[in-house]
C-alpha atoms as a PDB file:
ATOM      1  CA  MET A   1       0.602  -0.069   0.074  1.00  0.00           C
ATOM      2  CA  SER A   2       1.618   3.464  -0.827  1.00  0.00           C
ATOM      3  CA  ILE A   3       1.284   6.481   1.518  1.00  0.00           C
ATOM      4  CA  LYS A   4      -1.690   7.956  -0.958  1.00  0.00           C
ATOM      5  CA  GLU A   5      -3.546   4.699  -0.004  1.00  0.00           C
ATOM      6  CA  MET A   6      -2.887   4.711   3.885  1.00  0.00           C
ATOM      7  CA  PRO A   7      -5.946   6.243   6.551  1.00  0.00           C
ATOM      8  CA  ALA A   8      -4.442   9.582   6.822  1.00  0.00           C
ATOM      9  CA  ALA A   9      -3.639   8.730  10.525  1.00  0.00           C
ATOM     10  CA  ALA A  10      -1.681   5.824   9.380  1.00  0.00           C
ATOM     11  CA  ARG A  11       0.299   8.079   7.426  1.00  0.00           C
ATOM     12  CA  PRO A  12       4.074   8.620   8.636  1.00  0.00           C
ATOM     13  CA  ARG A  13       4.443  12.428   9.143  1.00  0.00           C
ATOM     14  CA  GLU A  14       0.661  12.492   9.993  1.00  0.00           C
ATOM     15  CA  LYS A  15       1.773  10.184  12.929  1.00  0.00           C
ATOM     16  CA  LEU A  16       4.911  11.324  13.980  1.00  0.00           C
ATOM     17  CA  LEU A  17       2.238  14.850  14.391  1.00  0.00           C
ATOM     18  CA  ALA A  18       0.284  12.958  16.201  1.00  0.00           C
ATOM     19  CA  HIS A  19       2.361  10.295  18.326  1.00  0.00           C
ATOM     20  CA  GLY A  20       5.758  11.369  18.328  1.00  0.00           C
ATOM     21  CA  ALA A  21       8.849  10.003  16.072  1.00  0.00           C
ATOM     22  CA  GLN A  22       9.410   7.058  18.460  1.00  0.00           C
ATOM     23  CA  ALA A  23       6.283   5.570  17.479  1.00  0.00           C
ATOM     24  CA  LEU A  24       8.001   4.951  13.381  1.00  0.00           C
ATOM     25  CA  ALA A  25       9.104   2.067  12.565  1.00  0.00           C
ATOM     26  CA  ASP A  26      13.287   2.969  11.012  1.00  0.00           C
ATOM     27  CA  VAL A  27      10.834   2.571   7.303  1.00  0.00           C
ATOM     28  CA  GLU A  28       8.910   5.675   8.200  1.00  0.00           C
ATOM     29  CA  LEU A  29      11.548   7.593   8.802  1.00  0.00           C
ATOM     30  CA  LEU A  30      13.236   7.132   6.319  1.00  0.00           C
ATOM     31  CA  ALA A  31      10.419   7.733   4.145  1.00  0.00           C
ATOM     32  CA  LEU A  32       9.636  11.446   5.888  1.00  0.00           C
ATOM     33  CA  LEU A  33      13.310  12.122   4.569  1.00  0.00           C
ATOM     34  CA  LEU A  34      13.725  10.500   1.142  1.00  0.00           C
ATOM     35  CA  ARG A  35       9.993  12.508   0.426  1.00  0.00           C
ATOM     36  CA  THR A  36       9.557  10.827  -2.891  1.00  0.00           C
ATOM     37  CA  GLY A  37       9.163   7.579  -4.393  1.00  0.00           C
ATOM     38  CA  ALA A  38      11.926   6.495  -7.546  1.00  0.00           C
ATOM     39  CA  GLY A  39      12.130   3.937 -10.034  1.00  0.00           C
ATOM     40  CA  GLY A  40       8.658   2.617  -9.932  1.00  0.00           C
ATOM     41  CA  GLN A  41       8.367   2.190  -6.073  1.00  0.00           C
ATOM     42  CA  ASP A  42       6.539   4.384  -4.023  1.00  0.00           C
ATOM     43  CA  VAL A  43       8.635   6.032  -0.977  1.00  0.00           C
ATOM     44  CA  LEU A  44       8.445   3.131   1.495  1.00  0.00           C
ATOM     45  CA  GLN A  45       9.239   0.669  -1.050  1.00  0.00           C
ATOM     46  CA  ARG A  46      12.308   2.530  -1.424  1.00  0.00           C
ATOM     47  CA  ALA A  47      13.213   3.335   1.796  1.00  0.00           C
ATOM     48  CA  GLU A  48      12.720   0.104   2.407  1.00  0.00           C
ATOM     49  CA  ARG A  49      15.101  -1.215  -0.577  1.00  0.00           C
ATOM     50  CA  LEU A  50      17.748   1.573   1.168  1.00  0.00           C
ATOM     51  CA  LEU A  51      16.910  -0.275   4.734  1.00  0.00           C
ATOM     52  CA  GLY A  52      18.603  -3.748   3.226  1.00  0.00           C
ATOM     53  CA  ARG A  53      20.605  -2.475   1.252  1.00  0.00           C
ATOM     54  CA  PHE A  54      22.749  -0.699   4.412  1.00  0.00           C
ATOM     55  CA  ASP A  55      21.341  -3.529   6.793  1.00  0.00           C
ATOM     56  CA  GLY A  56      19.529  -0.592   8.472  1.00  0.00           C
ATOM     57  CA  LEU A  57      19.803   2.613   9.408  1.00  0.00           C
ATOM     58  CA  ALA A  58      22.774   2.434  11.279  1.00  0.00           C
ATOM     59  CA  GLY A  59      24.215   1.012   8.058  1.00  0.00           C
ATOM     60  CA  LEU A  60      22.565   3.395   6.041  1.00  0.00           C
ATOM     61  CA  LEU A  61      24.265   6.330   8.069  1.00  0.00           C
ATOM     62  CA  HIS A  62      27.671   4.683   8.285  1.00  0.00           C
ATOM     63  CA  ALA A  63      27.855   4.764   4.321  1.00  0.00           C
ATOM     64  CA  SER A  64      29.728   6.768   2.309  1.00  0.00           C
ATOM     65  CA  PRO A  65      28.517   8.918   0.170  1.00  0.00           C
ATOM     66  CA  ALA A  66      30.014   7.220  -2.543  1.00  0.00           C
ATOM     67  CA  GLU A  67      28.338   3.648  -0.989  1.00  0.00           C
ATOM     68  CA  LEU A  68      24.826   5.995  -0.709  1.00  0.00           C
ATOM     69  CA  ALA A  69      25.452   6.710  -4.641  1.00  0.00           C
ATOM     70  CA  ARG A  70      26.697   2.831  -5.581  1.00  0.00           C
ATOM     71  CA  ALA A  71      22.948   2.655  -4.193  1.00  0.00           C
ATOM     72  CA  GLY A  72      21.281   4.074  -6.791  1.00  0.00           C
ATOM     73  CA  GLY A  73      18.333   6.450  -6.307  1.00  0.00           C
ATOM     74  CA  ILE A  74      19.730   8.475  -4.241  1.00  0.00           C
ATOM     75  CA  GLY A  75      20.531  12.063  -6.015  1.00  0.00           C
ATOM     76  CA  PRO A  76      23.094  14.823  -3.905  1.00  0.00           C
ATOM     77  CA  ALA A  77      20.650  16.413  -2.284  1.00  0.00           C
ATOM     78  CA  GLN A  78      19.517  13.270  -0.510  1.00  0.00           C
ATOM     79  CA  ARG A  79      23.247  11.988   0.290  1.00  0.00           C
ATOM     80  CA  ALA A  80      23.695  15.789   1.493  1.00  0.00           C
ATOM     81  CA  GLU A  81      20.786  15.309   3.832  1.00  0.00           C
ATOM     82  CA  LEU A  82      21.699  11.776   5.063  1.00  0.00           C
ATOM     83  CA  ALA A  83      25.343  14.194   5.914  1.00  0.00           C
ATOM     84  CA  ALA A  84      23.657  16.345   8.296  1.00  0.00           C
ATOM     85  CA  VAL A  85      21.748  13.844   9.421  1.00  0.00           C
ATOM     86  CA  ARG A  86      25.093  12.228  10.853  1.00  0.00           C
ATOM     87  CA  GLU A  87      26.689  15.463  11.635  1.00  0.00           C
ATOM     88  CA  ILE A  88      23.713  16.445  13.941  1.00  0.00           C
ATOM     89  CA  ALA A  89      23.688  13.148  15.785  1.00  0.00           C
ATOM     90  CA  ARG A  90      27.585  14.017  16.035  1.00  0.00           C
ATOM     91  CA  ARG A  91      27.506  16.764  17.428  1.00  0.00           C
ATOM     92  CA  ALA A  92      24.523  16.099  19.777  1.00  0.00           C
ATOM     93  CA  LEU A  93      26.910  13.639  21.305  1.00  0.00           C
ATOM     94  CA  ALA A  94      29.660  15.653  21.551  1.00  0.00           C
ATOM     95  CA  GLN A  95      28.034  17.710  23.533  1.00  0.00           C
ATOM     96  CA  GLN A  96      26.082  15.987  25.544  1.00  0.00           C
ATOM     97  CA  LEU A  97      29.887  14.232  26.335  1.00  0.00           C
ATOM     98  CA  ARG A  98      31.016  17.770  27.324  1.00  0.00           C
ATOM     99  CA  GLN A  99      28.698  18.422  29.933  1.00  0.00           C
ATOM    100  CA  ALA A 100      28.559  14.840  31.588  1.00  0.00           C
ATOM    101  CA  PRO A 101      31.859  12.404  32.678  1.00  0.00           C
ATOM    102  CA  VAL A 102      31.905  10.128  29.668  1.00  0.00           C
ATOM    103  CA  PHE A 103      30.803   7.286  32.191  1.00  0.00           C
ATOM    104  CA  ASP A 104      27.560   8.344  32.555  1.00  0.00           C
ATOM    105  CA  SER A 105      26.687   7.922  28.981  1.00  0.00           C
ATOM    106  CA  PRO A 106      28.943   5.086  27.643  1.00  0.00           C
ATOM    107  CA  GLN A 107      26.640   4.081  24.786  1.00  0.00           C
ATOM    108  CA  ALA A 108      26.557   7.885  23.969  1.00  0.00           C
ATOM    109  CA  VAL A 109      30.394   7.149  23.404  1.00  0.00           C
ATOM    110  CA  LYS A 110      29.938   4.346  21.802  1.00  0.00           C
ATOM    111  CA  ASP A 111      27.655   6.367  19.076  1.00  0.00           C
ATOM    112  CA  PHE A 112      29.751   8.959  19.176  1.00  0.00           C
ATOM    113  CA  VAL A 113      33.435   7.453  17.972  1.00  0.00           C
ATOM    114  CA  ALA A 114      30.733   5.204  15.725  1.00  0.00           C
ATOM    115  CA  LEU A 115      29.564   8.052  13.483  1.00  0.00           C
ATOM    116  CA  ARG A 116      32.860  10.184  13.129  1.00  0.00           C
ATOM    117  CA  LEU A 117      34.792   7.029  11.984  1.00  0.00           C
ATOM    118  CA  GLY A 118      32.702   3.843  11.109  1.00  0.00           C
ATOM    119  CA  ALA A 119      32.430   5.178   6.526  1.00  0.00           C
ATOM    120  CA  LEU A 120      35.883   5.856   6.758  1.00  0.00           C
ATOM    121  CA  THR A 121      37.714   3.113   4.511  1.00  0.00           C
ATOM    122  CA  HIS A 122      41.044   3.996   5.719  1.00  0.00           C
ATOM    123  CA  GLU A 123      42.385   3.226   9.087  1.00  0.00           C
ATOM    124  CA  VAL A 124      42.111   6.498  11.297  1.00  0.00           C
ATOM    125  CA  PHE A 125      43.553   6.555  15.412  1.00  0.00           C
ATOM    126  CA  GLY A 126      42.236   9.372  17.672  1.00  0.00           C
ATOM    127  CA  VAL A 127      41.728   9.925  21.234  1.00  0.00           C
ATOM    128  CA  LEU A 128      38.996  11.927  23.070  1.00  0.00           C
ATOM    129  CA  PHE A 129      40.849  14.175  25.581  1.00  0.00           C
ATOM    130  CA  LEU A 130      39.120  14.406  29.183  1.00  0.00           C
ATOM    131  CA  ASP A 131      39.418  16.839  31.308  1.00  0.00           C
ATOM    132  CA  SER A 132      39.653  16.046  35.116  1.00  0.00           C
ATOM    133  CA  GLN A 133      35.318  15.177  35.545  1.00  0.00           C
ATOM    134  CA  HIS A 134      35.859  13.018  32.601  1.00  0.00           C
ATOM    135  CA  ARG A 135      33.966  15.102  30.609  1.00  0.00           C
ATOM    136  CA  LEU A 136      34.661  15.467  27.290  1.00  0.00           C
ATOM    137  CA  ILE A 137      37.716  18.560  26.142  1.00  0.00           C
ATOM    138  CA  GLU A 138      38.095  17.594  22.422  1.00  0.00           C
ATOM    139  CA  MET A 139      38.301  14.210  20.161  1.00  0.00           C
ATOM    140  CA  GLN A 140      41.116  14.675  17.780  1.00  0.00           C
ATOM    141  CA  GLU A 141      41.649  11.919  14.988  1.00  0.00           C
ATOM    142  CA  LEU A 142      46.068  12.089  15.324  1.00  0.00           C
ATOM    143  CA  PHE A 143      47.348   9.597  12.647  1.00  0.00           C
ATOM    144  CA  ARG A 144      46.068   8.161   9.363  1.00  0.00           C
ATOM    145  CA  GLY A 145      47.204   4.973   7.858  1.00  0.00           C
ATOM    146  CA  THR A 146      46.598   2.574   5.352  1.00  0.00           C
ATOM    147  CA  LEU A 147      44.134  -0.246   5.508  1.00  0.00           C
ATOM    148  CA  ALA A 148      46.259  -2.737   6.636  1.00  0.00           C
ATOM    149  CA  GLN A 149      48.457  -0.740   9.524  1.00  0.00           C
ATOM    150  CA  THR A 150      48.687   2.732  11.176  1.00  0.00           C
ATOM    151  CA  SER A 151      51.731   3.805  12.798  1.00  0.00           C
ATOM    152  CA  VAL A 152      50.555   5.832  16.457  1.00  0.00           C
ATOM    153  CA  TYR A 153      53.417   7.860  18.134  1.00  0.00           C
ATOM    154  CA  PRO A 154      53.152   8.521  21.580  1.00  0.00           C
ATOM    155  CA  ARG A 155      55.179  10.954  21.653  1.00  0.00           C
ATOM    156  CA  GLU A 156      52.281  13.688  19.428  1.00  0.00           C
ATOM    157  CA  VAL A 157      50.225  11.926  21.584  1.00  0.00           C
ATOM    158  CA  LEU A 158      51.255  13.446  25.076  1.00  0.00           C
ATOM    159  CA  ARG A 159      52.206  16.377  23.170  1.00  0.00           C
ATOM    160  CA  GLN A 160      48.504  16.716  22.365  1.00  0.00           C
ATOM    161  CA  ALA A 161      47.558  15.897  26.748  1.00  0.00           C
ATOM    162  CA  LEU A 162      49.792  17.952  27.261  1.00  0.00           C
ATOM    163  CA  LEU A 163      48.256  21.346  25.460  1.00  0.00           C
ATOM    164  CA  LEU A 164      44.415  20.302  26.447  1.00  0.00           C
ATOM    165  CA  ASN A 165      45.585  20.147  30.029  1.00  0.00           C
ATOM    166  CA  ALA A 166      43.953  16.479  29.782  1.00  0.00           C
ATOM    167  CA  GLY A 167      43.119  14.655  32.727  1.00  0.00           C
ATOM    168  CA  ALA A 168      41.850  11.132  30.876  1.00  0.00           C
ATOM    169  CA  ALA A 169      41.919  10.026  27.556  1.00  0.00           C
ATOM    170  CA  ILE A 170      40.141   6.894  25.253  1.00  0.00           C
ATOM    171  CA  LEU A 171      42.094   5.764  22.398  1.00  0.00           C
ATOM    172  CA  VAL A 172      40.126   4.916  20.091  1.00  0.00           C
ATOM    173  CA  HIS A 173      40.562   3.883  15.961  1.00  0.00           C
ATOM    174  CA  ASN A 174      38.609   1.883  12.716  1.00  0.00           C
ATOM    175  CA  HIS A 175      38.473  -1.710  11.757  1.00  0.00           C
ATOM    176  CA  PRO A 176      37.828  -0.442   7.592  1.00  0.00           C
ATOM    177  CA  SER A 177      37.307  -3.780   6.622  1.00  0.00           C
ATOM    178  CA  GLY A 178      34.738  -3.964   8.764  1.00  0.00           C
ATOM    179  CA  VAL A 179      35.431  -6.439  11.737  1.00  0.00           C
ATOM    180  CA  ALA A 180      35.953  -4.565  14.936  1.00  0.00           C
ATOM    181  CA  GLU A 181      37.850  -7.691  16.870  1.00  0.00           C
ATOM    182  CA  PRO A 182      40.534  -6.011  18.556  1.00  0.00           C
ATOM    183  CA  SER A 183      44.025  -7.208  17.287  1.00  0.00           C
ATOM    184  CA  ARG A 184      47.020  -8.548  19.358  1.00  0.00           C
ATOM    185  CA  ALA A 185      48.997  -4.520  17.576  1.00  0.00           C
ATOM    186  CA  ASP A 186      45.992  -3.478  19.412  1.00  0.00           C
ATOM    187  CA  GLU A 187      46.782  -4.562  22.431  1.00  0.00           C
ATOM    188  CA  ALA A 188      50.477  -3.960  22.525  1.00  0.00           C
ATOM    189  CA  LEU A 189      49.929  -0.134  21.656  1.00  0.00           C
ATOM    190  CA  THR A 190      46.838   0.619  24.287  1.00  0.00           C
ATOM    191  CA  GLN A 191      49.133  -0.724  26.985  1.00  0.00           C
ATOM    192  CA  SER A 192      52.285   1.399  25.451  1.00  0.00           C
ATOM    193  CA  LEU A 193      50.107   4.490  25.267  1.00  0.00           C
ATOM    194  CA  ALA A 194      48.809   3.726  28.552  1.00  0.00           C
ATOM    195  CA  SER A 195      52.476   3.936  30.017  1.00  0.00           C
ATOM    196  CA  ALA A 196      53.685   6.658  28.486  1.00  0.00           C
ATOM    197  CA  LEU A 197      50.302   8.577  29.777  1.00  0.00           C
ATOM    198  CA  ARG A 198      50.380   7.724  33.417  1.00  0.00           C
ATOM    199  CA  VAL A 199      54.207   9.617  33.012  1.00  0.00           C
ATOM    200  CA  ILE A 200      51.938  12.767  32.874  1.00  0.00           C
ATOM    201  CA  ASP A 201      49.279  11.595  34.743  1.00  0.00           C
ATOM    202  CA  VAL A 202      46.886  10.830  32.180  1.00  0.00           C
ATOM    203  CA  ARG A 203      44.701   7.608  32.360  1.00  0.00           C
ATOM    204  CA  VAL A 204      43.219   5.682  29.726  1.00  0.00           C
ATOM    205  CA  LEU A 205      39.618   4.412  30.351  1.00  0.00           C
ATOM    206  CA  ASP A 206      39.130   3.135  27.412  1.00  0.00           C
ATOM    207  CA  HIS A 207      40.400   1.664  23.899  1.00  0.00           C
ATOM    208  CA  LEU A 208      37.142   1.694  21.036  1.00  0.00           C
ATOM    209  CA  VAL A 209      37.821  -0.621  18.131  1.00  0.00           C
ATOM    210  CA  VAL A 210      34.726   0.529  15.642  1.00  0.00           C
ATOM    211  CA  GLY A 211      34.271  -1.625  12.929  1.00  0.00           C
ATOM    212  CA  ALA A 212      30.865  -2.204  10.242  1.00  0.00           C
ATOM    213  CA  GLY A 213      27.997  -0.988  12.767  1.00  0.00           C
ATOM    214  CA  HIS A 214      30.177  -2.736  15.823  1.00  0.00           C
ATOM    215  CA  VAL A 215      31.662  -0.624  18.712  1.00  0.00           C
ATOM    216  CA  VAL A 216      34.428  -2.354  21.100  1.00  0.00           C
ATOM    217  CA  SER A 217      35.487  -1.515  24.146  1.00  0.00           C
ATOM    218  CA  PHE A 218      39.049  -2.705  25.787  1.00  0.00           C
ATOM    219  CA  ALA A 219      37.416  -1.989  29.423  1.00  0.00           C
ATOM    220  CA  GLU A 220      34.261  -3.877  28.801  1.00  0.00           C
ATOM    221  CA  ARG A 221      36.569  -6.378  27.854  1.00  0.00           C
ATOM    222  CA  GLY A 222      38.420  -6.553  30.315  1.00  0.00           C
ATOM    223  CA  LEU A 223      41.732  -5.270  28.833  1.00  0.00           C
ATOM    224  CA  LEU A 224      42.791  -2.439  30.583  1.00  0.00           C
END
């Protein structure tokens, strides 16, 4: 059934206005963003196809502009809108992390780094620098590498921590392969950086590895 054939109260926009956005299914939310059908599909069919292609809303938001273009049926304007939605979500999460200790919202930290690194096709190592109350000061992407490896220099991490007067840090990097499972090299790097930062009284609270739709926490694994 197309949206035009639905009873007015069941249409996504009317349903949202009457009951709030939380009352809508994923396909209905995306249909509101897409607005129109294309390629012989109505907007709901189009939204359902895209969600299937990208394995849900998380995959769609993390998709790069090139991946969205290859999916077909998403023009430049809508690719820009999806990028804007992702950036709005990232900035809202960053604001939340600046206002309260990261321990108050561990899932928000994972969501934030996933939005920041999840769509990248190259490996990036970054650090969330925190103040003495464990609120976010700034996230910096410090090193970039190939799909296979990246070089991380502890001296630069320490320099940035001192410049920002950080009291703690969360390490983060992505696996462009999509598999978030930490490697032995990741574990060794974590211990090396934790030891180096301890010298300047900066505690490493966690190391997050970002994969496709999944973030692994070293702290939750007992690796820190």
